[in-house]
Amino acid sequence: MTKEYARELKYDPEFERLCPKPAAEKYQEMEMELLNNGCSKPIKVWNNIILYDYLYYKICRRWSLSFHIVNCDYKNRDEALYFTCQTILQAEKPSGIYYRYITGKCYLSMKHILSDVFSGKKKCPFSLPTGISAGAAERRSALSVAERIFGIAAATISLYGAYAKAMDAIAIKAPEISARLFGGEISFSIRDCIKLSKLPSEKITAACTALQTDSPVPSVKQMPAYVPDDALSGLTLTIPTWISSIKRTQEKADLNRISPEALQRLEQKLNDLSYAAVVLKNAIKEARHA
């Protein structure tokens, strides 16, 4: 374990999604605790990627607090995900959306690992349940192993795996919707989330609005006929949320106390957004005069 002073570590969206986002009041409590007592919790990393302790790291970086690092020697991403998820499930006891998501992620990573184990390509990095061998004559499906490890029905584990895949897809296609789902601002059933994940990105926001008014989410096969205006509807509905987020940040954040690195990253993203807006506005002008 090494002690570092504001060392720059790597963010990874897949691992960061495992870390619940606390309410503003809870975050402030964490911040005050670290400022008063320092960061006693070591930050675990793999290949310099933060595995879970993103909140601690962000606060330490913001206030230039020292922290300890534990380098985890995992062979690949699947092992890093599996052991991180197992640690969270055992130590943090997540509930609700995070329990379903993290259990699903744990199962999916375990499934990839066992594919190599049962084919004889590698040794199993974790203990298999009693009575299950990694030998070819004793092969078991990853789902049956997961059922023994998690202590829940195979059908439920399989559903959680599909849910985790869906939530990852939504995070890539519609980050704002993903943040609201993980933050508890909106809540949909597992099956509705799976349906949402299969929609193209420009349809997800409109589908979320339909869900909140108890309208069914169209499946990919049941997608309505193409309407040209639909290509803009998702963006048009999302922009007010961006504006609200920017205003809220400007009102609440003390920019004089933010680290130069964080300000620079935000400024770059705002420049990218401004440039994209100018390009699109020019295209709109051309279309009007075509």
C-alpha atoms as a PDB file:
ATOM      1  CA  MET A   1       0.000   0.000   0.000  1.00  0.00           C
ATOM      2  CA  THR A   2       1.473   3.335  -1.017  1.00  0.00           C
ATOM      3  CA  LYS A   3       0.580   6.821   0.131  1.00  0.00           C
ATOM      4  CA  GLU A   4      -0.035   9.363  -2.592  1.00  0.00           C
ATOM      5  CA  TYR A   5      -0.622  13.094  -2.635  1.00  0.00           C
ATOM      6  CA  ALA A   6      -3.330  14.013  -5.134  1.00  0.00           C
ATOM      7  CA  ARG A   7      -2.014  11.446  -7.611  1.00  0.00           C
ATOM      8  CA  GLU A   8      -3.986  11.374 -10.847  1.00  0.00           C
ATOM      9  CA  LEU A   9      -5.796   8.086 -11.351  1.00  0.00           C
ATOM     10  CA  LYS A  10      -7.906   6.897 -14.271  1.00  0.00           C
ATOM     11  CA  TYR A  11     -11.690   7.175 -14.382  1.00  0.00           C
ATOM     12  CA  ASP A  12     -13.556   4.306 -16.034  1.00  0.00           C
ATOM     13  CA  PRO A  13     -17.319   4.682 -16.699  1.00  0.00           C
ATOM     14  CA  GLU A  14     -18.010   0.956 -16.257  1.00  0.00           C
ATOM     15  CA  PHE A  15     -16.456   0.885 -12.788  1.00  0.00           C
ATOM     16  CA  GLU A  16     -17.780   4.327 -11.820  1.00  0.00           C
ATOM     17  CA  ARG A  17     -21.351   3.117 -12.421  1.00  0.00           C
ATOM     18  CA  LEU A  18     -20.829   0.669  -9.543  1.00  0.00           C
ATOM     19  CA  CYS A  19     -20.444   3.593  -7.142  1.00  0.00           C
ATOM     20  CA  PRO A  20     -23.758   5.061  -5.883  1.00  0.00           C
ATOM     21  CA  LYS A  21     -24.169   8.832  -6.162  1.00  0.00           C
ATOM     22  CA  PRO A  22     -25.164  10.174  -2.724  1.00  0.00           C
ATOM     23  CA  ALA A  23     -27.538  13.037  -2.097  1.00  0.00           C
ATOM     24  CA  ALA A  24     -25.908  16.469  -1.848  1.00  0.00           C
ATOM     25  CA  GLU A  25     -26.224  16.495   1.955  1.00  0.00           C
ATOM     26  CA  LYS A  26     -24.553  13.078   2.291  1.00  0.00           C
ATOM     27  CA  TYR A  27     -21.772  14.132  -0.062  1.00  0.00           C
ATOM     28  CA  GLN A  28     -21.115  17.251   2.030  1.00  0.00           C
ATOM     29  CA  GLU A  29     -20.909  15.082   5.147  1.00  0.00           C
ATOM     30  CA  MET A  30     -18.311  12.874   3.459  1.00  0.00           C
ATOM     31  CA  GLU A  31     -16.384  15.938   2.358  1.00  0.00           C
ATOM     32  CA  MET A  32     -16.307  17.411   5.867  1.00  0.00           C
ATOM     33  CA  GLU A  33     -15.263  14.058   7.341  1.00  0.00           C
ATOM     34  CA  LEU A  34     -12.310  13.823   4.953  1.00  0.00           C
ATOM     35  CA  LEU A  35     -11.310  17.452   5.516  1.00  0.00           C
ATOM     36  CA  ASN A  36     -11.373  17.014   9.294  1.00  0.00           C
ATOM     37  CA  ASN A  37      -9.883  13.527   9.592  1.00  0.00           C
ATOM     38  CA  GLY A  38      -8.141  12.801   6.305  1.00  0.00           C
ATOM     39  CA  CYS A  39      -8.768   9.854   3.998  1.00  0.00           C
ATOM     40  CA  SER A  40      -8.279   6.677   6.037  1.00  0.00           C
ATOM     41  CA  LYS A  41      -9.876   4.391   3.440  1.00  0.00           C
ATOM     42  CA  PRO A  42      -7.373   3.106   0.839  1.00  0.00           C
ATOM     43  CA  ILE A  43      -8.357   3.596  -2.786  1.00  0.00           C
ATOM     44  CA  LYS A  44      -8.160   0.335  -4.740  1.00  0.00           C
ATOM     45  CA  VAL A  45      -6.900   0.519  -8.310  1.00  0.00           C
ATOM     46  CA  TRP A  46      -6.235  -1.873 -11.159  1.00  0.00           C
ATOM     47  CA  ASN A  47      -3.925  -0.705 -13.954  1.00  0.00           C
ATOM     48  CA  ASN A  48      -4.240   2.756 -12.371  1.00  0.00           C
ATOM     49  CA  ILE A  49      -8.044   2.606 -12.848  1.00  0.00           C
ATOM     50  CA  ILE A  50     -10.158   3.436  -9.789  1.00  0.00           C
ATOM     51  CA  LEU A  51     -12.247   0.367  -9.009  1.00  0.00           C
ATOM     52  CA  TYR A  52     -14.856   1.801  -6.670  1.00  0.00           C
ATOM     53  CA  ASP A  53     -13.829   4.689  -4.395  1.00  0.00           C
ATOM     54  CA  TYR A  54     -14.616   7.476  -6.852  1.00  0.00           C
ATOM     55  CA  LEU A  55     -16.228   9.776  -4.287  1.00  0.00           C
ATOM     56  CA  TYR A  56     -13.231   9.617  -1.942  1.00  0.00           C
ATOM     57  CA  TYR A  57     -10.851  10.214  -4.822  1.00  0.00           C
ATOM     58  CA  LYS A  58     -12.786  13.223  -6.164  1.00  0.00           C
ATOM     59  CA  ILE A  59     -12.846  14.879  -2.743  1.00  0.00           C
ATOM     60  CA  CYS A  60      -9.145  14.180  -2.158  1.00  0.00           C
ATOM     61  CA  ARG A  61      -8.236  15.629  -5.540  1.00  0.00           C
ATOM     62  CA  ARG A  62     -10.424  18.664  -4.989  1.00  0.00           C
ATOM     63  CA  TRP A  63      -8.809  19.506  -1.653  1.00  0.00           C
ATOM     64  CA  SER A  64      -5.316  18.107  -2.389  1.00  0.00           C
ATOM     65  CA  LEU A  65      -5.625  15.537   0.396  1.00  0.00           C
ATOM     66  CA  SER A  66      -3.229  12.620   0.604  1.00  0.00           C
ATOM     67  CA  PHE A  67      -4.590   9.096   0.295  1.00  0.00           C
ATOM     68  CA  HIS A  68      -3.382   5.511   0.254  1.00  0.00           C
ATOM     69  CA  ILE A  69      -3.513   3.333  -2.852  1.00  0.00           C
ATOM     70  CA  VAL A  70      -3.842  -0.444  -3.015  1.00  0.00           C
ATOM     71  CA  ASN A  71      -2.837  -1.910  -6.382  1.00  0.00           C
ATOM     72  CA  CYS A  72      -4.930  -4.992  -7.188  1.00  0.00           C
ATOM     73  CA  ASP A  73      -3.234  -7.670  -9.288  1.00  0.00           C
ATOM     74  CA  TYR A  74      -6.099  -8.864 -11.451  1.00  0.00           C
ATOM     75  CA  LYS A  75      -5.399 -10.683 -14.709  1.00  0.00           C
ATOM     76  CA  ASN A  76      -8.044  -8.870 -16.770  1.00  0.00           C
ATOM     77  CA  ARG A  77     -11.106  -6.618 -16.654  1.00  0.00           C
ATOM     78  CA  ASP A  78     -13.505  -9.473 -15.933  1.00  0.00           C
ATOM     79  CA  GLU A  79     -11.583 -10.429 -12.805  1.00  0.00           C
ATOM     80  CA  ALA A  80     -11.411  -6.775 -11.708  1.00  0.00           C
ATOM     81  CA  LEU A  81     -15.179  -6.424 -12.180  1.00  0.00           C
ATOM     82  CA  TYR A  82     -16.013  -9.726 -10.483  1.00  0.00           C
ATOM     83  CA  PHE A  83     -13.978  -9.123  -7.331  1.00  0.00           C
ATOM     84  CA  THR A  84     -15.045  -5.468  -7.100  1.00  0.00           C
ATOM     85  CA  CYS A  85     -18.716  -6.436  -7.375  1.00  0.00           C
ATOM     86  CA  GLN A  86     -18.295  -9.219  -4.822  1.00  0.00           C
ATOM     87  CA  THR A  87     -16.652  -6.799  -2.385  1.00  0.00           C
ATOM     88  CA  ILE A  88     -19.490  -4.293  -2.815  1.00  0.00           C
ATOM     89  CA  LEU A  89     -22.186  -6.939  -2.350  1.00  0.00           C
ATOM     90  CA  GLN A  90     -20.580  -8.280   0.810  1.00  0.00           C
ATOM     91  CA  ALA A  91     -19.353  -5.057   2.421  1.00  0.00           C
ATOM     92  CA  GLU A  92     -21.725  -2.337   1.206  1.00  0.00           C
ATOM     93  CA  LYS A  93     -24.957  -4.373   1.095  1.00  0.00           C
ATOM     94  CA  PRO A  94     -26.471  -2.327  -1.763  1.00  0.00           C
ATOM     95  CA  SER A  95     -30.211  -2.310  -2.308  1.00  0.00           C
ATOM     96  CA  GLY A  96     -32.678  -1.511  -5.059  1.00  0.00           C
ATOM     97  CA  ILE A  97     -31.283  -0.576  -8.427  1.00  0.00           C
ATOM     98  CA  TYR A  98     -27.666  -0.967  -7.307  1.00  0.00           C
ATOM     99  CA  TYR A  99     -28.221  -4.463  -5.916  1.00  0.00           C
ATOM    100  CA  ARG A 100     -29.788  -5.622  -9.170  1.00  0.00           C
ATOM    101  CA  TYR A 101     -27.189  -3.882 -11.330  1.00  0.00           C
ATOM    102  CA  ILE A 102     -24.114  -4.995  -9.362  1.00  0.00           C
ATOM    103  CA  THR A 103     -25.386  -8.572  -9.027  1.00  0.00           C
ATOM    104  CA  GLY A 104     -25.942  -8.612 -12.784  1.00  0.00           C
ATOM    105  CA  LYS A 105     -22.460  -7.217 -13.473  1.00  0.00           C
ATOM    106  CA  CYS A 106     -20.942  -9.764 -11.096  1.00  0.00           C
ATOM    107  CA  TYR A 107     -22.729 -12.600 -12.886  1.00  0.00           C
ATOM    108  CA  LEU A 108     -21.724 -11.401 -16.368  1.00  0.00           C
ATOM    109  CA  SER A 109     -18.050 -11.090 -15.434  1.00  0.00           C
ATOM    110  CA  MET A 110     -18.149 -14.481 -13.689  1.00  0.00           C
ATOM    111  CA  LYS A 111     -19.726 -15.989 -16.808  1.00  0.00           C
ATOM    112  CA  HIS A 112     -16.804 -14.793 -18.941  1.00  0.00           C
ATOM    113  CA  ILE A 113     -14.270 -16.076 -16.425  1.00  0.00           C
ATOM    114  CA  LEU A 114     -15.889 -19.528 -16.162  1.00  0.00           C
ATOM    115  CA  SER A 115     -16.005 -19.845 -19.939  1.00  0.00           C
ATOM    116  CA  ASP A 116     -12.188 -19.957 -19.893  1.00  0.00           C
ATOM    117  CA  VAL A 117     -12.045 -22.036 -16.714  1.00  0.00           C
ATOM    118  CA  PHE A 118     -14.371 -24.788 -17.946  1.00  0.00           C
ATOM    119  CA  SER A 119     -12.589 -24.906 -21.323  1.00  0.00           C
ATOM    120  CA  GLY A 120      -9.292 -25.466 -19.520  1.00  0.00           C
ATOM    121  CA  LYS A 121      -7.691 -22.180 -20.608  1.00  0.00           C
ATOM    122  CA  LYS A 122      -7.102 -20.868 -17.084  1.00  0.00           C
ATOM    123  CA  LYS A 123      -7.439 -21.653 -13.404  1.00  0.00           C
ATOM    124  CA  CYS A 124     -10.441 -20.326 -11.541  1.00  0.00           C
ATOM    125  CA  PRO A 125      -9.443 -17.164  -9.627  1.00  0.00           C
ATOM    126  CA  PHE A 126     -12.171 -17.700  -6.989  1.00  0.00           C
ATOM    127  CA  SER A 127     -13.422 -20.683  -4.997  1.00  0.00           C
ATOM    128  CA  LEU A 128     -16.083 -22.759  -6.710  1.00  0.00           C
ATOM    129  CA  PRO A 129     -19.021 -24.004  -4.622  1.00  0.00           C
ATOM    130  CA  THR A 130     -18.638 -27.415  -2.987  1.00  0.00           C
ATOM    131  CA  GLY A 131     -19.292 -30.230  -5.414  1.00  0.00           C
ATOM    132  CA  ILE A 132     -18.439 -28.246  -8.548  1.00  0.00           C
ATOM    133  CA  SER A 133     -15.134 -28.930 -10.264  1.00  0.00           C
ATOM    134  CA  ALA A 134     -13.402 -27.007 -13.035  1.00  0.00           C
ATOM    135  CA  GLY A 135     -12.614 -30.302 -14.773  1.00  0.00           C
ATOM    136  CA  ALA A 136     -14.183 -31.138 -18.130  1.00  0.00           C
ATOM    137  CA  ALA A 137     -16.193 -34.012 -16.641  1.00  0.00           C
ATOM    138  CA  GLU A 138     -17.683 -31.719 -14.006  1.00  0.00           C
ATOM    139  CA  ARG A 139     -18.583 -28.711 -16.103  1.00  0.00           C
ATOM    140  CA  ARG A 140     -21.536 -26.678 -14.977  1.00  0.00           C
ATOM    141  CA  SER A 141     -23.137 -23.657 -16.573  1.00  0.00           C
ATOM    142  CA  ALA A 142     -22.137 -20.287 -15.145  1.00  0.00           C
ATOM    143  CA  LEU A 143     -25.770 -19.795 -14.193  1.00  0.00           C
ATOM    144  CA  SER A 144     -25.857 -22.888 -11.971  1.00  0.00           C
ATOM    145  CA  VAL A 145     -22.612 -21.777 -10.300  1.00  0.00           C
ATOM    146  CA  ALA A 146     -24.018 -18.267  -9.815  1.00  0.00           C
ATOM    147  CA  GLU A 147     -27.160 -19.706  -8.240  1.00  0.00           C
ATOM    148  CA  ARG A 148     -25.010 -21.364  -5.571  1.00  0.00           C
ATOM    149  CA  ILE A 149     -22.782 -18.313  -5.042  1.00  0.00           C
ATOM    150  CA  PHE A 150     -25.523 -15.651  -4.853  1.00  0.00           C
ATOM    151  CA  GLY A 151     -28.170 -17.806  -3.216  1.00  0.00           C
ATOM    152  CA  ILE A 152     -30.945 -16.598  -5.518  1.00  0.00           C
ATOM    153  CA  ALA A 153     -32.880 -18.313  -8.286  1.00  0.00           C
ATOM    154  CA  ALA A 154     -31.153 -18.841 -11.633  1.00  0.00           C
ATOM    155  CA  ALA A 155     -33.978 -17.085 -13.489  1.00  0.00           C
ATOM    156  CA  THR A 156     -33.529 -13.996 -11.299  1.00  0.00           C
ATOM    157  CA  ILE A 157     -29.761 -13.957 -11.817  1.00  0.00           C
ATOM    158  CA  SER A 158     -30.231 -14.241 -15.573  1.00  0.00           C
ATOM    159  CA  LEU A 159     -32.703 -11.334 -15.480  1.00  0.00           C
ATOM    160  CA  TYR A 160     -30.242  -9.222 -13.462  1.00  0.00           C
ATOM    161  CA  GLY A 161     -27.559  -9.983 -16.046  1.00  0.00           C
ATOM    162  CA  ALA A 162     -29.813  -8.746 -18.838  1.00  0.00           C
ATOM    163  CA  TYR A 163     -30.662  -5.702 -16.716  1.00  0.00           C
ATOM    164  CA  ALA A 164     -26.975  -4.865 -16.203  1.00  0.00           C
ATOM    165  CA  LYS A 165     -26.378  -5.081 -19.951  1.00  0.00           C
ATOM    166  CA  ALA A 166     -29.381  -2.833 -20.564  1.00  0.00           C
ATOM    167  CA  MET A 167     -28.246  -0.225 -18.030  1.00  0.00           C
ATOM    168  CA  ASP A 168     -24.788  -0.131 -19.610  1.00  0.00           C
ATOM    169  CA  ALA A 169     -26.343   0.330 -23.056  1.00  0.00           C
ATOM    170  CA  ILE A 170     -28.555   3.174 -21.805  1.00  0.00           C
ATOM    171  CA  ALA A 171     -25.519   4.829 -20.189  1.00  0.00           C
ATOM    172  CA  ILE A 172     -23.761   4.854 -23.565  1.00  0.00           C
ATOM    173  CA  LYS A 173     -26.755   5.889 -25.660  1.00  0.00           C
ATOM    174  CA  ALA A 174     -28.415   8.344 -23.256  1.00  0.00           C
ATOM    175  CA  PRO A 175     -26.082   9.425 -20.389  1.00  0.00           C
ATOM    176  CA  GLU A 176     -28.583  11.918 -18.956  1.00  0.00           C
ATOM    177  CA  ILE A 177     -31.303   9.269 -18.685  1.00  0.00           C
ATOM    178  CA  SER A 178     -28.804   6.838 -17.169  1.00  0.00           C
ATOM    179  CA  ALA A 179     -27.823   9.378 -14.501  1.00  0.00           C
ATOM    180  CA  ARG A 180     -31.470   9.916 -13.601  1.00  0.00           C
ATOM    181  CA  LEU A 181     -32.088   6.163 -13.369  1.00  0.00           C
ATOM    182  CA  PHE A 182     -29.080   5.519 -11.151  1.00  0.00           C
ATOM    183  CA  GLY A 183     -29.872   8.623  -9.111  1.00  0.00           C
ATOM    184  CA  GLY A 184     -33.423   7.450  -8.442  1.00  0.00           C
ATOM    185  CA  GLU A 185     -35.043  10.464 -10.136  1.00  0.00           C
ATOM    186  CA  ILE A 186     -36.967   8.098 -12.416  1.00  0.00           C
ATOM    187  CA  SER A 187     -37.742   4.419 -11.925  1.00  0.00           C
ATOM    188  CA  PHE A 188     -38.771   1.779 -14.456  1.00  0.00           C
ATOM    189  CA  SER A 189     -39.177  -1.975 -14.307  1.00  0.00           C
ATOM    190  CA  ILE A 190     -36.326  -4.250 -15.362  1.00  0.00           C
ATOM    191  CA  ARG A 191     -38.176  -5.289 -18.498  1.00  0.00           C
ATOM    192  CA  ASP A 192     -38.916  -1.688 -19.470  1.00  0.00           C
ATOM    193  CA  CYS A 193     -35.227  -0.806 -19.029  1.00  0.00           C
ATOM    194  CA  ILE A 194     -34.311  -3.714 -21.295  1.00  0.00           C
ATOM    195  CA  LYS A 195     -36.775  -2.434 -23.904  1.00  0.00           C
ATOM    196  CA  LEU A 196     -35.356   1.093 -23.602  1.00  0.00           C
ATOM    197  CA  SER A 197     -31.814  -0.177 -24.132  1.00  0.00           C
ATOM    198  CA  LYS A 198     -32.757  -1.647 -27.498  1.00  0.00           C
ATOM    199  CA  LEU A 199     -34.052   1.648 -28.870  1.00  0.00           C
ATOM    200  CA  PRO A 200     -31.810   3.993 -30.868  1.00  0.00           C
ATOM    201  CA  SER A 201     -30.400   6.833 -28.776  1.00  0.00           C
ATOM    202  CA  GLU A 202     -32.670   9.479 -30.305  1.00  0.00           C
ATOM    203  CA  LYS A 203     -35.768   7.503 -29.229  1.00  0.00           C
ATOM    204  CA  ILE A 204     -34.852   6.826 -25.589  1.00  0.00           C
ATOM    205  CA  THR A 205     -35.783  10.224 -24.119  1.00  0.00           C
ATOM    206  CA  ALA A 206     -39.194  10.217 -25.789  1.00  0.00           C
ATOM    207  CA  ALA A 207     -39.772   6.630 -24.655  1.00  0.00           C
ATOM    208  CA  CYS A 208     -38.923   7.607 -21.066  1.00  0.00           C
ATOM    209  CA  THR A 209     -41.492  10.374 -21.227  1.00  0.00           C
ATOM    210  CA  ALA A 210     -44.044   7.851 -22.496  1.00  0.00           C
ATOM    211  CA  LEU A 211     -43.216   5.482 -19.623  1.00  0.00           C
ATOM    212  CA  GLN A 212     -43.761   8.226 -17.072  1.00  0.00           C
ATOM    213  CA  THR A 213     -47.262   8.702 -18.491  1.00  0.00           C
ATOM    214  CA  ASP A 214     -47.891   4.933 -18.361  1.00  0.00           C
ATOM    215  CA  SER A 215     -47.650   4.482 -22.123  1.00  0.00           C
ATOM    216  CA  PRO A 216     -46.021   1.258 -23.396  1.00  0.00           C
ATOM    217  CA  VAL A 217     -42.456   1.350 -24.702  1.00  0.00           C
ATOM    218  CA  PRO A 218     -42.304   0.256 -28.345  1.00  0.00           C
ATOM    219  CA  SER A 219     -40.015  -2.698 -29.029  1.00  0.00           C
ATOM    220  CA  VAL A 220     -37.447  -2.567 -31.813  1.00  0.00           C
ATOM    221  CA  LYS A 221     -39.645  -4.767 -34.033  1.00  0.00           C
ATOM    222  CA  GLN A 222     -42.665  -2.616 -33.275  1.00  0.00           C
ATOM    223  CA  MET A 223     -41.015   0.709 -33.997  1.00  0.00           C
ATOM    224  CA  PRO A 224     -43.449   3.105 -35.705  1.00  0.00           C
ATOM    225  CA  ALA A 225     -42.881   4.280 -39.250  1.00  0.00           C
ATOM    226  CA  TYR A 226     -40.051   6.744 -39.649  1.00  0.00           C
ATOM    227  CA  VAL A 227     -41.038  10.380 -39.172  1.00  0.00           C
ATOM    228  CA  PRO A 228     -38.326  12.923 -40.169  1.00  0.00           C
ATOM    229  CA  ASP A 229     -39.005  15.174 -37.164  1.00  0.00           C
ATOM    230  CA  ASP A 230     -38.261  12.269 -34.789  1.00  0.00           C
ATOM    231  CA  ALA A 231     -34.562  12.649 -35.536  1.00  0.00           C
ATOM    232  CA  LEU A 232     -34.641  15.927 -33.582  1.00  0.00           C
ATOM    233  CA  SER A 233     -37.115  15.053 -30.834  1.00  0.00           C
ATOM    234  CA  GLY A 234     -34.635  13.364 -28.493  1.00  0.00           C
ATOM    235  CA  LEU A 235     -32.172  16.235 -28.708  1.00  0.00           C
ATOM    236  CA  THR A 236     -34.908  18.861 -28.371  1.00  0.00           C
ATOM    237  CA  LEU A 237     -36.253  17.183 -25.224  1.00  0.00           C
ATOM    238  CA  THR A 238     -32.803  16.697 -23.695  1.00  0.00           C
ATOM    239  CA  ILE A 239     -31.385  20.222 -24.132  1.00  0.00           C
ATOM    240  CA  PRO A 240     -33.607  21.808 -21.410  1.00  0.00           C
ATOM    241  CA  THR A 241     -32.179  19.251 -18.967  1.00  0.00           C
ATOM    242  CA  TRP A 242     -28.624  20.271 -19.931  1.00  0.00           C
ATOM    243  CA  ILE A 243     -29.501  23.939 -19.422  1.00  0.00           C
ATOM    244  CA  SER A 244     -31.014  23.167 -16.029  1.00  0.00           C
ATOM    245  CA  SER A 245     -27.939  21.166 -14.988  1.00  0.00           C
ATOM    246  CA  ILE A 246     -25.591  23.971 -16.064  1.00  0.00           C
ATOM    247  CA  LYS A 247     -27.609  26.609 -14.180  1.00  0.00           C
ATOM    248  CA  ARG A 248     -27.807  24.420 -11.080  1.00  0.00           C
ATOM    249  CA  THR A 249     -24.045  23.841 -11.136  1.00  0.00           C
ATOM    250  CA  GLN A 250     -23.361  27.545 -11.568  1.00  0.00           C
ATOM    251  CA  GLU A 251     -25.619  28.381  -8.624  1.00  0.00           C
ATOM    252  CA  LYS A 252     -24.283  25.749  -6.223  1.00  0.00           C
ATOM    253  CA  ALA A 253     -20.610  25.281  -7.113  1.00  0.00           C
ATOM    254  CA  ASP A 254     -17.971  27.594  -5.685  1.00  0.00           C
ATOM    255  CA  LEU A 255     -15.809  27.836  -8.800  1.00  0.00           C
ATOM    256  CA  ASN A 256     -13.033  29.584  -6.880  1.00  0.00           C
ATOM    257  CA  ARG A 257     -12.518  26.410  -4.849  1.00  0.00           C
ATOM    258  CA  ILE A 258     -12.615  23.932  -7.735  1.00  0.00           C
ATOM    259  CA  SER A 259      -9.285  22.451  -8.833  1.00  0.00           C
ATOM    260  CA  PRO A 260      -7.722  23.913 -12.028  1.00  0.00           C
ATOM    261  CA  GLU A 261      -7.808  20.457 -13.616  1.00  0.00           C
ATOM    262  CA  ALA A 262     -11.552  20.072 -13.061  1.00  0.00           C
ATOM    263  CA  LEU A 263     -12.224  23.582 -14.382  1.00  0.00           C
ATOM    264  CA  GLN A 264     -10.130  22.874 -17.459  1.00  0.00           C
ATOM    265  CA  ARG A 265     -11.978  19.605 -18.172  1.00  0.00           C
ATOM    266  CA  LEU A 266     -15.356  21.321 -17.814  1.00  0.00           C
ATOM    267  CA  GLU A 267     -14.307  24.259 -19.979  1.00  0.00           C
ATOM    268  CA  GLN A 268     -13.135  21.887 -22.722  1.00  0.00           C
ATOM    269  CA  LYS A 269     -16.446  20.010 -22.681  1.00  0.00           C
ATOM    270  CA  LEU A 270     -18.361  23.310 -22.815  1.00  0.00           C
ATOM    271  CA  ASN A 271     -16.229  24.363 -25.778  1.00  0.00           C
ATOM    272  CA  ASP A 272     -17.031  21.056 -27.481  1.00  0.00           C
ATOM    273  CA  LEU A 273     -20.739  21.610 -26.790  1.00  0.00           C
ATOM    274  CA  SER A 274     -20.607  25.182 -28.110  1.00  0.00           C
ATOM    275  CA  TYR A 275     -18.831  24.066 -31.278  1.00  0.00           C
ATOM    276  CA  ALA A 276     -21.354  21.258 -31.881  1.00  0.00           C
ATOM    277  CA  ALA A 277     -24.214  23.754 -31.373  1.00  0.00           C
ATOM    278  CA  VAL A 278     -22.693  26.205 -33.886  1.00  0.00           C
ATOM    279  CA  VAL A 279     -22.264  23.432 -36.473  1.00  0.00           C
ATOM    280  CA  LEU A 280     -25.870  22.294 -36.041  1.00  0.00           C
ATOM    281  CA  LYS A 281     -27.222  25.879 -36.167  1.00  0.00           C
ATOM    282  CA  ASN A 282     -25.351  26.457 -39.428  1.00  0.00           C
ATOM    283  CA  ALA A 283     -26.853  23.251 -40.824  1.00  0.00           C
ATOM    284  CA  ILE A 284     -30.319  24.483 -39.807  1.00  0.00           C
ATOM    285  CA  LYS A 285     -29.720  27.799 -41.622  1.00  0.00           C
ATOM    286  CA  GLU A 286     -28.677  25.930 -44.748  1.00  0.00           C
ATOM    287  CA  ALA A 287     -31.759  23.699 -44.556  1.00  0.00           C
ATOM    288  CA  ARG A 288     -34.061  26.736 -44.240  1.00  0.00           C
ATOM    289  CA  HIS A 289     -32.592  28.332 -47.334  1.00  0.00           C
ATOM    290  CA  ALA A 290     -32.366  25.147 -49.378  1.00  0.00           C
END
